[in-house]
């Protein structure tokens, strides 16, 4: 199995490569990717430098063009495809059919991966994308149970990639109606959940700290309490006289216990979430998964999730960790 890791910037890319990533995925500094935070992502010069660094070590670079442009902005996404191809990227990760069609026509030598935003969950859907756009890989949505992943792998016409570790969302792969409702912008169209321009922090007289998104109060943190990035789904709200995480508690996906099963199913690549996270996060998480995959390859009969691996992942998780929900549903 290949290990595909996040690169939010050039230092993140080098950290991932040095820690053992087989490939990194990244985006440009615009809304063509779903992590369009200020200060994040790559210029053309950074991309060329990152590709050179990765290729010199036998690794690959994928450019995420995984948002939906809409009719008035398609040209910007087409230009982004050109930029990726001209920089020497190994593949693009896209969801929009128009973007995929353009890449197929204008840059047939550039591999095309179907983004998780494409929400292809069946053999028929994967075959359609393969026949029309020649996709070389597809990233499966996290709405599937592990049993469903196994069944899709059995008949998929293309290699499959699944998310292995990182933050979870209650929405379907970036289609955030909550962010859109509060700010008018959502990840699958504008490239960012809870845009930073709408975030307002305020220190209160009692020492606490409040955070609002476009005037909507999302949370109040006690003095010294750790505060995560403010997203609507993970805020605390007053409901029925109680204040709690009414929609979802901060939680990270961790499929490490399922690693042998995912390999047996025929999963081609494991994806680590977190282009918005620090270089330290990328280095630590990548190193754990590199060790786990390598150990499974060397001695599958004696493989188990080591305590030190889980401790490192827990230290870098967003809240508690789970394999429940995305991979342990028993749907049929």
C-alpha atoms as a PDB file:
ATOM      1  CA  UNK A   1       0.000   0.000   0.000  1.00  0.00           C
ATOM      2  CA  UNK A   2       1.176   3.498  -0.853  1.00  0.00           C
ATOM      3  CA  UNK A   3       1.261   6.217   1.784  1.00  0.00           C
ATOM      4  CA  UNK A   4      -0.155   9.546   0.553  1.00  0.00           C
ATOM      5  CA  UNK A   5       0.453  12.465   2.910  1.00  0.00           C
ATOM      6  CA  UNK A   6      -0.588  16.124   3.141  1.00  0.00           C
ATOM      7  CA  UNK A   7       1.621  19.063   2.191  1.00  0.00           C
ATOM      8  CA  UNK A   8       0.190  22.433   3.144  1.00  0.00           C
ATOM      9  CA  UNK A   9       3.400  24.214   2.171  1.00  0.00           C
ATOM     10  CA  UNK A  10       6.957  23.482   1.055  1.00  0.00           C
ATOM     11  CA  UNK A  11       8.273  22.688   4.574  1.00  0.00           C
ATOM     12  CA  UNK A  12       5.334  20.311   5.014  1.00  0.00           C
ATOM     13  CA  UNK A  13       6.201  18.608   1.740  1.00  0.00           C
ATOM     14  CA  UNK A  14       9.809  18.038   2.716  1.00  0.00           C
ATOM     15  CA  UNK A  15       8.719  16.783   6.155  1.00  0.00           C
ATOM     16  CA  UNK A  16       6.349  14.249   4.610  1.00  0.00           C
ATOM     17  CA  UNK A  17       8.916  13.024   2.085  1.00  0.00           C
ATOM     18  CA  UNK A  18      11.657  12.758   4.713  1.00  0.00           C
ATOM     19  CA  UNK A  19       9.331  10.821   7.044  1.00  0.00           C
ATOM     20  CA  UNK A  20       8.527   8.230   4.389  1.00  0.00           C
ATOM     21  CA  UNK A  21       5.565   9.353   2.291  1.00  0.00           C
ATOM     22  CA  UNK A  22       5.314   7.669  -1.104  1.00  0.00           C
ATOM     23  CA  UNK A  23       3.434  10.687  -2.424  1.00  0.00           C
ATOM     24  CA  UNK A  24       2.193  14.049  -1.212  1.00  0.00           C
ATOM     25  CA  UNK A  25      -0.891  15.994  -2.211  1.00  0.00           C
ATOM     26  CA  UNK A  26      -1.099  19.777  -2.243  1.00  0.00           C
ATOM     27  CA  UNK A  27      -2.966  22.725  -3.720  1.00  0.00           C
ATOM     28  CA  UNK A  28      -2.473  26.129  -5.293  1.00  0.00           C
ATOM     29  CA  UNK A  29      -3.060  29.388  -3.401  1.00  0.00           C
ATOM     30  CA  UNK A  30      -6.602  29.836  -4.640  1.00  0.00           C
ATOM     31  CA  UNK A  31     -10.058  28.300  -4.463  1.00  0.00           C
ATOM     32  CA  UNK A  32      -9.293  25.431  -6.837  1.00  0.00           C
ATOM     33  CA  UNK A  33      -8.547  23.251  -3.789  1.00  0.00           C
ATOM     34  CA  UNK A  34     -10.495  22.479  -0.630  1.00  0.00           C
ATOM     35  CA  UNK A  35      -7.937  23.880   1.823  1.00  0.00           C
ATOM     36  CA  UNK A  36      -7.767  27.482   0.623  1.00  0.00           C
ATOM     37  CA  UNK A  37      -6.703  28.974   3.950  1.00  0.00           C
ATOM     38  CA  UNK A  38      -4.633  32.181   4.031  1.00  0.00           C
ATOM     39  CA  UNK A  39      -0.919  31.432   4.263  1.00  0.00           C
ATOM     40  CA  UNK A  40      -1.360  27.872   3.031  1.00  0.00           C
ATOM     41  CA  UNK A  41      -0.611  26.130  -0.267  1.00  0.00           C
ATOM     42  CA  UNK A  42       1.830  26.571  -3.130  1.00  0.00           C
ATOM     43  CA  UNK A  43       3.004  29.149  -5.612  1.00  0.00           C
ATOM     44  CA  UNK A  44       4.243  27.900  -8.985  1.00  0.00           C
ATOM     45  CA  UNK A  45       7.824  28.334  -7.811  1.00  0.00           C
ATOM     46  CA  UNK A  46       7.169  26.398  -4.586  1.00  0.00           C
ATOM     47  CA  UNK A  47       5.477  23.649  -6.569  1.00  0.00           C
ATOM     48  CA  UNK A  48       8.420  23.239  -8.921  1.00  0.00           C
ATOM     49  CA  UNK A  49      10.812  23.125  -5.960  1.00  0.00           C
ATOM     50  CA  UNK A  50       8.646  20.579  -4.158  1.00  0.00           C
ATOM     51  CA  UNK A  51       8.319  18.370  -7.219  1.00  0.00           C
ATOM     52  CA  UNK A  52      12.081  18.446  -7.729  1.00  0.00           C
ATOM     53  CA  UNK A  53      12.623  17.465  -4.085  1.00  0.00           C
ATOM     54  CA  UNK A  54      10.133  14.609  -4.284  1.00  0.00           C
ATOM     55  CA  UNK A  55      11.244  13.274  -7.664  1.00  0.00           C
ATOM     56  CA  UNK A  56      14.904  13.281  -6.618  1.00  0.00           C
ATOM     57  CA  UNK A  57      13.885  10.803  -3.909  1.00  0.00           C
ATOM     58  CA  UNK A  58      11.624   8.692  -6.076  1.00  0.00           C
ATOM     59  CA  UNK A  59       8.368  10.072  -4.656  1.00  0.00           C
ATOM     60  CA  UNK A  60       5.329  11.603  -6.353  1.00  0.00           C
ATOM     61  CA  UNK A  61       3.339  14.836  -6.125  1.00  0.00           C
ATOM     62  CA  UNK A  62      -0.409  15.138  -6.702  1.00  0.00           C
ATOM     63  CA  UNK A  63      -2.117  18.510  -7.158  1.00  0.00           C
ATOM     64  CA  UNK A  64      -5.596  18.742  -5.637  1.00  0.00           C
ATOM     65  CA  UNK A  65      -8.036  20.600  -7.899  1.00  0.00           C
ATOM     66  CA  UNK A  66     -10.923  19.102  -5.978  1.00  0.00           C
ATOM     67  CA  UNK A  67     -13.464  21.923  -5.744  1.00  0.00           C
ATOM     68  CA  UNK A  68     -16.299  22.755  -8.147  1.00  0.00           C
ATOM     69  CA  UNK A  69     -15.777  25.897 -10.242  1.00  0.00           C
ATOM     70  CA  UNK A  70     -19.269  26.777 -11.429  1.00  0.00           C
ATOM     71  CA  UNK A  71     -19.902  28.134 -14.953  1.00  0.00           C
ATOM     72  CA  UNK A  72     -18.276  31.556 -14.537  1.00  0.00           C
ATOM     73  CA  UNK A  73     -14.979  30.296 -13.056  1.00  0.00           C
ATOM     74  CA  UNK A  74     -14.166  27.192 -15.113  1.00  0.00           C
ATOM     75  CA  UNK A  75     -11.274  28.981 -16.845  1.00  0.00           C
ATOM     76  CA  UNK A  76      -9.420  29.360 -13.550  1.00  0.00           C
ATOM     77  CA  UNK A  77      -9.607  25.608 -12.931  1.00  0.00           C
ATOM     78  CA  UNK A  78      -8.480  24.864 -16.488  1.00  0.00           C
ATOM     79  CA  UNK A  79      -5.496  27.161 -15.984  1.00  0.00           C
ATOM     80  CA  UNK A  80      -4.719  25.314 -12.758  1.00  0.00           C
ATOM     81  CA  UNK A  81      -4.644  22.037 -14.699  1.00  0.00           C
ATOM     82  CA  UNK A  82      -2.177  23.639 -17.128  1.00  0.00           C
ATOM     83  CA  UNK A  83      -0.016  24.855 -14.255  1.00  0.00           C
ATOM     84  CA  UNK A  84       0.063  21.410 -12.650  1.00  0.00           C
ATOM     85  CA  UNK A  85       1.023  19.748 -15.923  1.00  0.00           C
ATOM     86  CA  UNK A  86       3.686  22.320 -16.801  1.00  0.00           C
ATOM     87  CA  UNK A  87       5.239  22.032 -13.331  1.00  0.00           C
ATOM     88  CA  UNK A  88       5.725  18.283 -13.750  1.00  0.00           C
ATOM     89  CA  UNK A  89       3.129  17.034 -11.255  1.00  0.00           C
ATOM     90  CA  UNK A  90       2.452  13.304 -11.371  1.00  0.00           C
ATOM     91  CA  UNK A  91      -1.332  13.594 -11.143  1.00  0.00           C
ATOM     92  CA  UNK A  92      -4.236  15.878 -10.411  1.00  0.00           C
ATOM     93  CA  UNK A  93      -7.000  15.013  -7.964  1.00  0.00           C
ATOM     94  CA  UNK A  94     -10.291  16.348  -9.328  1.00  0.00           C
ATOM     95  CA  UNK A  95     -14.030  15.864  -8.941  1.00  0.00           C
ATOM     96  CA  UNK A  96     -15.702  18.164 -11.454  1.00  0.00           C
ATOM     97  CA  UNK A  97     -16.460  16.431 -14.778  1.00  0.00           C
ATOM     98  CA  UNK A  98     -15.580  19.560 -16.745  1.00  0.00           C
ATOM     99  CA  UNK A  99     -12.171  19.809 -15.102  1.00  0.00           C
ATOM    100  CA  UNK A 100     -11.525  16.108 -15.704  1.00  0.00           C
ATOM    101  CA  UNK A 101     -12.625  16.429 -19.332  1.00  0.00           C
ATOM    102  CA  UNK A 102     -10.278  19.361 -19.915  1.00  0.00           C
ATOM    103  CA  UNK A 103      -7.342  17.505 -18.352  1.00  0.00           C
ATOM    104  CA  UNK A 104      -8.115  14.409 -20.425  1.00  0.00           C
ATOM    105  CA  UNK A 105      -8.207  16.399 -23.643  1.00  0.00           C
ATOM    106  CA  UNK A 106      -5.352  18.849 -23.110  1.00  0.00           C
ATOM    107  CA  UNK A 107      -2.939  16.854 -20.935  1.00  0.00           C
ATOM    108  CA  UNK A 108      -3.519  13.154 -21.560  1.00  0.00           C
ATOM    109  CA  UNK A 109      -0.083  12.293 -20.128  1.00  0.00           C
ATOM    110  CA  UNK A 110      -1.066  13.721 -16.711  1.00  0.00           C
ATOM    111  CA  UNK A 111      -2.633  11.074 -14.461  1.00  0.00           C
ATOM    112  CA  UNK A 112      -6.124  11.842 -13.226  1.00  0.00           C
ATOM    113  CA  UNK A 113      -7.326  10.724  -9.791  1.00  0.00           C
ATOM    114  CA  UNK A 114     -10.984  11.006  -8.839  1.00  0.00           C
ATOM    115  CA  UNK A 115     -11.303  13.075  -5.664  1.00  0.00           C
ATOM    116  CA  UNK A 116     -13.259  11.968  -2.643  1.00  0.00           C
ATOM    117  CA  UNK A 117     -15.446  14.972  -3.522  1.00  0.00           C
ATOM    118  CA  UNK A 118     -16.667  12.982  -6.523  1.00  0.00           C
ATOM    119  CA  UNK A 119     -18.464  10.615  -4.117  1.00  0.00           C
ATOM    120  CA  UNK A 120     -18.075   7.528  -6.283  1.00  0.00           C
ATOM    121  CA  UNK A 121     -19.186   4.627  -4.092  1.00  0.00           C
ATOM    122  CA  UNK A 122     -20.117   1.929  -6.597  1.00  0.00           C
ATOM    123  CA  UNK A 123     -18.498  -0.113  -9.341  1.00  0.00           C
ATOM    124  CA  UNK A 124     -20.810   1.536 -11.880  1.00  0.00           C
ATOM    125  CA  UNK A 125     -19.762   5.061 -10.884  1.00  0.00           C
ATOM    126  CA  UNK A 126     -16.082   4.183 -10.923  1.00  0.00           C
ATOM    127  CA  UNK A 127     -16.450   2.544 -14.342  1.00  0.00           C
ATOM    128  CA  UNK A 128     -18.136   5.677 -15.704  1.00  0.00           C
ATOM    129  CA  UNK A 129     -15.277   7.924 -14.589  1.00  0.00           C
ATOM    130  CA  UNK A 130     -12.747   5.425 -15.910  1.00  0.00           C
ATOM    131  CA  UNK A 131     -14.401   5.133 -19.323  1.00  0.00           C
ATOM    132  CA  UNK A 132     -14.949   8.868 -19.781  1.00  0.00           C
ATOM    133  CA  UNK A 133     -11.816  10.352 -18.210  1.00  0.00           C
ATOM    134  CA  UNK A 134      -9.346   7.476 -17.899  1.00  0.00           C
ATOM    135  CA  UNK A 135      -8.909   7.955 -14.160  1.00  0.00           C
ATOM    136  CA  UNK A 136      -5.975   6.001 -12.748  1.00  0.00           C
ATOM    137  CA  UNK A 137      -7.172   6.013  -9.121  1.00  0.00           C
ATOM    138  CA  UNK A 138     -10.218   6.966  -7.056  1.00  0.00           C
ATOM    139  CA  UNK A 139     -10.435   8.137  -3.457  1.00  0.00           C
ATOM    140  CA  UNK A 140     -13.384   6.500  -1.710  1.00  0.00           C
ATOM    141  CA  UNK A 141     -15.702   8.598   0.477  1.00  0.00           C
ATOM    142  CA  UNK A 142     -15.720   7.930   4.196  1.00  0.00           C
ATOM    143  CA  UNK A 143     -19.449   7.174   4.191  1.00  0.00           C
ATOM    144  CA  UNK A 144     -18.699   3.538   3.335  1.00  0.00           C
ATOM    145  CA  UNK A 145     -18.425   0.736   5.860  1.00  0.00           C
ATOM    146  CA  UNK A 146     -15.329  -1.448   5.740  1.00  0.00           C
ATOM    147  CA  UNK A 147     -17.505  -4.229   4.309  1.00  0.00           C
ATOM    148  CA  UNK A 148     -18.550  -1.917   1.489  1.00  0.00           C
ATOM    149  CA  UNK A 149     -14.946  -0.912   0.854  1.00  0.00           C
ATOM    150  CA  UNK A 150     -14.094  -4.591   0.490  1.00  0.00           C
ATOM    151  CA  UNK A 151     -16.917  -5.185  -1.984  1.00  0.00           C
ATOM    152  CA  UNK A 152     -16.048  -2.129  -4.083  1.00  0.00           C
ATOM    153  CA  UNK A 153     -12.393  -3.192  -4.172  1.00  0.00           C
ATOM    154  CA  UNK A 154     -13.394  -6.607  -5.549  1.00  0.00           C
ATOM    155  CA  UNK A 155     -14.840  -5.151  -8.752  1.00  0.00           C
ATOM    156  CA  UNK A 156     -13.371  -1.684  -9.155  1.00  0.00           C
ATOM    157  CA  UNK A 157     -11.880  -0.988 -12.604  1.00  0.00           C
ATOM    158  CA  UNK A 158      -9.272   1.306 -11.005  1.00  0.00           C
ATOM    159  CA  UNK A 159      -7.004   1.207  -7.933  1.00  0.00           C
ATOM    160  CA  UNK A 160      -8.614   2.662  -4.815  1.00  0.00           C
ATOM    161  CA  UNK A 161      -7.392   5.018  -2.098  1.00  0.00           C
ATOM    162  CA  UNK A 162      -8.988   5.416   1.335  1.00  0.00           C
ATOM    163  CA  UNK A 163      -8.552   7.870   4.186  1.00  0.00           C
ATOM    164  CA  UNK A 164      -6.554   6.364   7.051  1.00  0.00           C
ATOM    165  CA  UNK A 165      -6.086   9.142   9.617  1.00  0.00           C
ATOM    166  CA  UNK A 166      -7.212  12.695  10.271  1.00  0.00           C
ATOM    167  CA  UNK A 167     -10.067  14.998  11.159  1.00  0.00           C
ATOM    168  CA  UNK A 168     -13.631  13.921  10.519  1.00  0.00           C
ATOM    169  CA  UNK A 169     -16.598  15.940   9.290  1.00  0.00           C
ATOM    170  CA  UNK A 170     -20.297  15.266   9.718  1.00  0.00           C
ATOM    171  CA  UNK A 171     -20.988  16.477   6.186  1.00  0.00           C
ATOM    172  CA  UNK A 172     -20.488  14.369   3.065  1.00  0.00           C
ATOM    173  CA  UNK A 173     -16.908  15.010   1.968  1.00  0.00           C
ATOM    174  CA  UNK A 174     -16.738  18.789   2.113  1.00  0.00           C
ATOM    175  CA  UNK A 175     -20.289  19.601   1.086  1.00  0.00           C
ATOM    176  CA  UNK A 176     -20.685  21.803   4.124  1.00  0.00           C
ATOM    177  CA  UNK A 177     -24.160  23.278   4.313  1.00  0.00           C
ATOM    178  CA  UNK A 178     -23.372  24.649   7.792  1.00  0.00           C
ATOM    179  CA  UNK A 179     -20.459  26.793   6.620  1.00  0.00           C
ATOM    180  CA  UNK A 180     -22.449  27.869   3.588  1.00  0.00           C
ATOM    181  CA  UNK A 181     -25.420  28.835   5.769  1.00  0.00           C
ATOM    182  CA  UNK A 182     -23.358  30.919   8.196  1.00  0.00           C
ATOM    183  CA  UNK A 183     -20.897  32.565   5.784  1.00  0.00           C
ATOM    184  CA  UNK A 184     -22.195  31.970   2.264  1.00  0.00           C
ATOM    185  CA  UNK A 185     -19.040  29.981   1.455  1.00  0.00           C
ATOM    186  CA  UNK A 186     -18.452  26.233   1.582  1.00  0.00           C
ATOM    187  CA  UNK A 187     -15.452  23.943   0.968  1.00  0.00           C
ATOM    188  CA  UNK A 188     -16.636  22.324  -2.248  1.00  0.00           C
ATOM    189  CA  UNK A 189     -17.162  25.699  -3.991  1.00  0.00           C
ATOM    190  CA  UNK A 190     -14.870  28.175  -2.243  1.00  0.00           C
ATOM    191  CA  UNK A 191     -12.178  25.904  -0.888  1.00  0.00           C
ATOM    192  CA  UNK A 192     -12.469  26.450   2.837  1.00  0.00           C
ATOM    193  CA  UNK A 193     -14.657  25.551   5.809  1.00  0.00           C
ATOM    194  CA  UNK A 194     -15.288  28.463   8.168  1.00  0.00           C
ATOM    195  CA  UNK A 195     -13.312  31.049   6.160  1.00  0.00           C
ATOM    196  CA  UNK A 196     -10.764  32.863   8.300  1.00  0.00           C
ATOM    197  CA  UNK A 197     -12.060  36.264   7.165  1.00  0.00           C
ATOM    198  CA  UNK A 198     -15.313  35.531   9.035  1.00  0.00           C
ATOM    199  CA  UNK A 199     -13.670  34.348  12.282  1.00  0.00           C
ATOM    200  CA  UNK A 200     -13.639  36.707  15.282  1.00  0.00           C
ATOM    201  CA  UNK A 201     -11.825  35.921  18.558  1.00  0.00           C
ATOM    202  CA  UNK A 202     -12.466  38.006  21.665  1.00  0.00           C
ATOM    203  CA  UNK A 203     -10.907  37.951  25.131  1.00  0.00           C
ATOM    204  CA  UNK A 204     -13.626  38.291  27.778  1.00  0.00           C
ATOM    205  CA  UNK A 205     -13.452  40.085  31.122  1.00  0.00           C
ATOM    206  CA  UNK A 206     -13.525  36.818  33.098  1.00  0.00           C
ATOM    207  CA  UNK A 207     -10.434  35.507  31.293  1.00  0.00           C
ATOM    208  CA  UNK A 208     -12.334  33.269  28.917  1.00  0.00           C
ATOM    209  CA  UNK A 209     -12.091  33.545  25.142  1.00  0.00           C
ATOM    210  CA  UNK A 210     -15.009  33.514  22.749  1.00  0.00           C
ATOM    211  CA  UNK A 211     -15.033  32.815  19.026  1.00  0.00           C
ATOM    212  CA  UNK A 212     -17.627  33.802  16.458  1.00  0.00           C
ATOM    213  CA  UNK A 213     -18.093  32.956  12.813  1.00  0.00           C
ATOM    214  CA  UNK A 214     -19.801  35.797  10.979  1.00  0.00           C
ATOM    215  CA  UNK A 215     -21.379  36.959  14.287  1.00  0.00           C
ATOM    216  CA  UNK A 216     -22.589  33.457  15.265  1.00  0.00           C
ATOM    217  CA  UNK A 217     -21.138  32.439  18.658  1.00  0.00           C
ATOM    218  CA  UNK A 218     -19.493  29.035  18.221  1.00  0.00           C
ATOM    219  CA  UNK A 219     -17.705  28.522  21.521  1.00  0.00           C
ATOM    220  CA  UNK A 220     -16.366  30.019  24.749  1.00  0.00           C
ATOM    221  CA  UNK A 221     -13.100  28.598  26.071  1.00  0.00           C
ATOM    222  CA  UNK A 222     -12.119  28.736  29.736  1.00  0.00           C
ATOM    223  CA  UNK A 223      -8.734  30.255  30.651  1.00  0.00           C
ATOM    224  CA  UNK A 224      -6.031  27.820  29.581  1.00  0.00           C
ATOM    225  CA  UNK A 225      -8.432  25.575  27.651  1.00  0.00           C
ATOM    226  CA  UNK A 226      -7.163  24.391  24.263  1.00  0.00           C
ATOM    227  CA  UNK A 227      -9.026  26.002  21.366  1.00  0.00           C
ATOM    228  CA  UNK A 228      -9.277  24.363  17.963  1.00  0.00           C
ATOM    229  CA  UNK A 229     -10.039  25.993  14.637  1.00  0.00           C
ATOM    230  CA  UNK A 230     -13.654  27.218  14.857  1.00  0.00           C
ATOM    231  CA  UNK A 231     -15.986  25.193  12.664  1.00  0.00           C
ATOM    232  CA  UNK A 232     -19.748  25.214  13.051  1.00  0.00           C
ATOM    233  CA  UNK A 233     -20.084  21.442  13.355  1.00  0.00           C
ATOM    234  CA  UNK A 234     -17.628  21.283  16.276  1.00  0.00           C
ATOM    235  CA  UNK A 235     -18.882  24.266  18.236  1.00  0.00           C
ATOM    236  CA  UNK A 236     -20.630  24.045  21.592  1.00  0.00           C
ATOM    237  CA  UNK A 237     -24.215  25.227  21.674  1.00  0.00           C
ATOM    238  CA  UNK A 238     -26.929  25.763  24.267  1.00  0.00           C
ATOM    239  CA  UNK A 239     -29.623  23.136  23.731  1.00  0.00           C
ATOM    240  CA  UNK A 240     -32.329  22.326  26.253  1.00  0.00           C
ATOM    241  CA  UNK A 241     -30.547  24.174  29.019  1.00  0.00           C
ATOM    242  CA  UNK A 242     -27.220  22.407  28.437  1.00  0.00           C
ATOM    243  CA  UNK A 243     -24.098  23.572  26.620  1.00  0.00           C
ATOM    244  CA  UNK A 244     -22.347  20.800  24.672  1.00  0.00           C
ATOM    245  CA  UNK A 245     -21.075  19.697  21.246  1.00  0.00           C
ATOM    246  CA  UNK A 246     -24.570  19.414  19.851  1.00  0.00           C
ATOM    247  CA  UNK A 247     -23.515  18.367  16.335  1.00  0.00           C
ATOM    248  CA  UNK A 248     -20.160  16.584  16.664  1.00  0.00           C
ATOM    249  CA  UNK A 249     -17.307  16.425  19.132  1.00  0.00           C
ATOM    250  CA  UNK A 250     -13.794  17.026  17.775  1.00  0.00           C
ATOM    251  CA  UNK A 251     -12.798  13.569  16.557  1.00  0.00           C
ATOM    252  CA  UNK A 252     -10.072  12.029  14.410  1.00  0.00           C
ATOM    253  CA  UNK A 253     -10.364   8.975  12.206  1.00  0.00           C
ATOM    254  CA  UNK A 254      -7.744   6.317  12.955  1.00  0.00           C
ATOM    255  CA  UNK A 255      -7.901   3.142  10.875  1.00  0.00           C
ATOM    256  CA  UNK A 256      -4.619   1.694  12.164  1.00  0.00           C
ATOM    257  CA  UNK A 257      -6.395  -1.353  13.673  1.00  0.00           C
ATOM    258  CA  UNK A 258      -7.939  -2.022  10.240  1.00  0.00           C
ATOM    259  CA  UNK A 259      -4.665  -1.910   8.321  1.00  0.00           C
ATOM    260  CA  UNK A 260      -4.388  -5.670   7.632  1.00  0.00           C
ATOM    261  CA  UNK A 261      -8.006  -5.793   6.528  1.00  0.00           C
ATOM    262  CA  UNK A 262      -7.583  -2.847   4.164  1.00  0.00           C
ATOM    263  CA  UNK A 263      -4.513  -4.467   2.650  1.00  0.00           C
ATOM    264  CA  UNK A 264      -6.328  -7.779   2.222  1.00  0.00           C
ATOM    265  CA  UNK A 265      -9.187  -5.950   0.498  1.00  0.00           C
ATOM    266  CA  UNK A 266      -6.777  -4.673  -2.134  1.00  0.00           C
ATOM    267  CA  UNK A 267      -6.677  -0.993  -1.161  1.00  0.00           C
ATOM    268  CA  UNK A 268      -3.868   0.635  -3.151  1.00  0.00           C
ATOM    269  CA  UNK A 269      -3.184   3.769  -1.110  1.00  0.00           C
ATOM    270  CA  UNK A 270      -3.777   5.191   2.352  1.00  0.00           C
ATOM    271  CA  UNK A 271      -4.402   8.906   2.674  1.00  0.00           C
ATOM    272  CA  UNK A 272      -3.534  11.069   5.681  1.00  0.00           C
ATOM    273  CA  UNK A 273      -5.708  14.168   6.164  1.00  0.00           C
ATOM    274  CA  UNK A 274      -4.213  17.454   7.321  1.00  0.00           C
ATOM    275  CA  UNK A 275      -2.877  19.953   4.803  1.00  0.00           C
ATOM    276  CA  UNK A 276      -3.905  22.666   7.279  1.00  0.00           C
ATOM    277  CA  UNK A 277      -1.873  21.069  10.084  1.00  0.00           C
ATOM    278  CA  UNK A 278       1.709  21.790  11.164  1.00  0.00           C
ATOM    279  CA  UNK A 279       4.958  20.387   9.826  1.00  0.00           C
ATOM    280  CA  UNK A 280       5.400  18.563  13.150  1.00  0.00           C
ATOM    281  CA  UNK A 281       2.026  16.855  12.686  1.00  0.00           C
ATOM    282  CA  UNK A 282       2.920  15.773   9.154  1.00  0.00           C
ATOM    283  CA  UNK A 283       6.315  14.395  10.180  1.00  0.00           C
ATOM    284  CA  UNK A 284       5.049  12.505  13.230  1.00  0.00           C
ATOM    285  CA  UNK A 285       1.946  10.989  11.652  1.00  0.00           C
ATOM    286  CA  UNK A 286       3.727  10.052   8.425  1.00  0.00           C
ATOM    287  CA  UNK A 287       6.504   8.311  10.364  1.00  0.00           C
ATOM    288  CA  UNK A 288       4.005   6.189  12.318  1.00  0.00           C
ATOM    289  CA  UNK A 289       2.137   5.055   9.234  1.00  0.00           C
ATOM    290  CA  UNK A 290       5.397   4.339   7.385  1.00  0.00           C
ATOM    291  CA  UNK A 291       6.491   2.042  10.209  1.00  0.00           C
ATOM    292  CA  UNK A 292       3.086   0.359  10.385  1.00  0.00           C
ATOM    293  CA  UNK A 293       2.906  -0.332   6.642  1.00  0.00           C
ATOM    294  CA  UNK A 294       6.494  -1.554   6.462  1.00  0.00           C
ATOM    295  CA  UNK A 295       6.003  -3.856   9.435  1.00  0.00           C
ATOM    296  CA  UNK A 296       2.872  -5.312   7.863  1.00  0.00           C
ATOM    297  CA  UNK A 297       4.790  -6.019   4.653  1.00  0.00           C
ATOM    298  CA  UNK A 298       7.670  -7.674   6.514  1.00  0.00           C
ATOM    299  CA  UNK A 299       5.720  -9.828   8.960  1.00  0.00           C
ATOM    300  CA  UNK A 300       1.946  -9.863   8.389  1.00  0.00           C
ATOM    301  CA  UNK A 301       1.400 -12.850  10.709  1.00  0.00           C
ATOM    302  CA  UNK A 302       2.842 -11.003  13.713  1.00  0.00           C
ATOM    303  CA  UNK A 303       1.525  -7.528  12.904  1.00  0.00           C
ATOM    304  CA  UNK A 304      -0.297  -5.536  15.551  1.00  0.00           C
ATOM    305  CA  UNK A 305      -0.822  -1.844  16.237  1.00  0.00           C
ATOM    306  CA  UNK A 306       2.006  -0.925  18.591  1.00  0.00           C
ATOM    307  CA  UNK A 307       1.282   1.075  21.730  1.00  0.00           C
ATOM    308  CA  UNK A 308       3.838   3.728  20.814  1.00  0.00           C
ATOM    309  CA  UNK A 309       2.234   4.199  17.396  1.00  0.00           C
ATOM    310  CA  UNK A 310      -1.162   4.777  18.950  1.00  0.00           C
ATOM    311  CA  UNK A 311       0.315   7.137  21.538  1.00  0.00           C
ATOM    312  CA  UNK A 312       1.877   9.300  18.833  1.00  0.00           C
ATOM    313  CA  UNK A 313      -1.327   9.387  16.804  1.00  0.00           C
ATOM    314  CA  UNK A 314      -3.364  10.239  19.912  1.00  0.00           C
ATOM    315  CA  UNK A 315      -1.053  13.172  20.629  1.00  0.00           C
ATOM    316  CA  UNK A 316      -1.754  14.568  17.156  1.00  0.00           C
ATOM    317  CA  UNK A 317      -5.442  13.733  16.923  1.00  0.00           C
ATOM    318  CA  UNK A 318      -8.249  16.253  16.968  1.00  0.00           C
ATOM    319  CA  UNK A 319     -10.020  15.203  20.143  1.00  0.00           C
ATOM    320  CA  UNK A 320     -10.521  11.469  20.619  1.00  0.00           C
ATOM    321  CA  UNK A 321      -9.935   8.847  17.930  1.00  0.00           C
ATOM    322  CA  UNK A 322     -12.342   6.398  16.347  1.00  0.00           C
ATOM    323  CA  UNK A 323     -12.810   3.859  13.601  1.00  0.00           C
ATOM    324  CA  UNK A 324     -16.548   3.985  14.268  1.00  0.00           C
ATOM    325  CA  UNK A 325     -18.851   5.725  11.832  1.00  0.00           C
ATOM    326  CA  UNK A 326     -16.882   5.760   8.592  1.00  0.00           C
ATOM    327  CA  UNK A 327     -15.620   2.170   8.594  1.00  0.00           C
ATOM    328  CA  UNK A 328     -17.524   0.205  11.221  1.00  0.00           C
ATOM    329  CA  UNK A 329     -21.073   0.768  10.044  1.00  0.00           C
ATOM    330  CA  UNK A 330     -22.740  -2.529   9.218  1.00  0.00           C
ATOM    331  CA  UNK A 331     -24.613  -1.383   6.129  1.00  0.00           C
ATOM    332  CA  UNK A 332     -25.431  -3.908   3.407  1.00  0.00           C
END
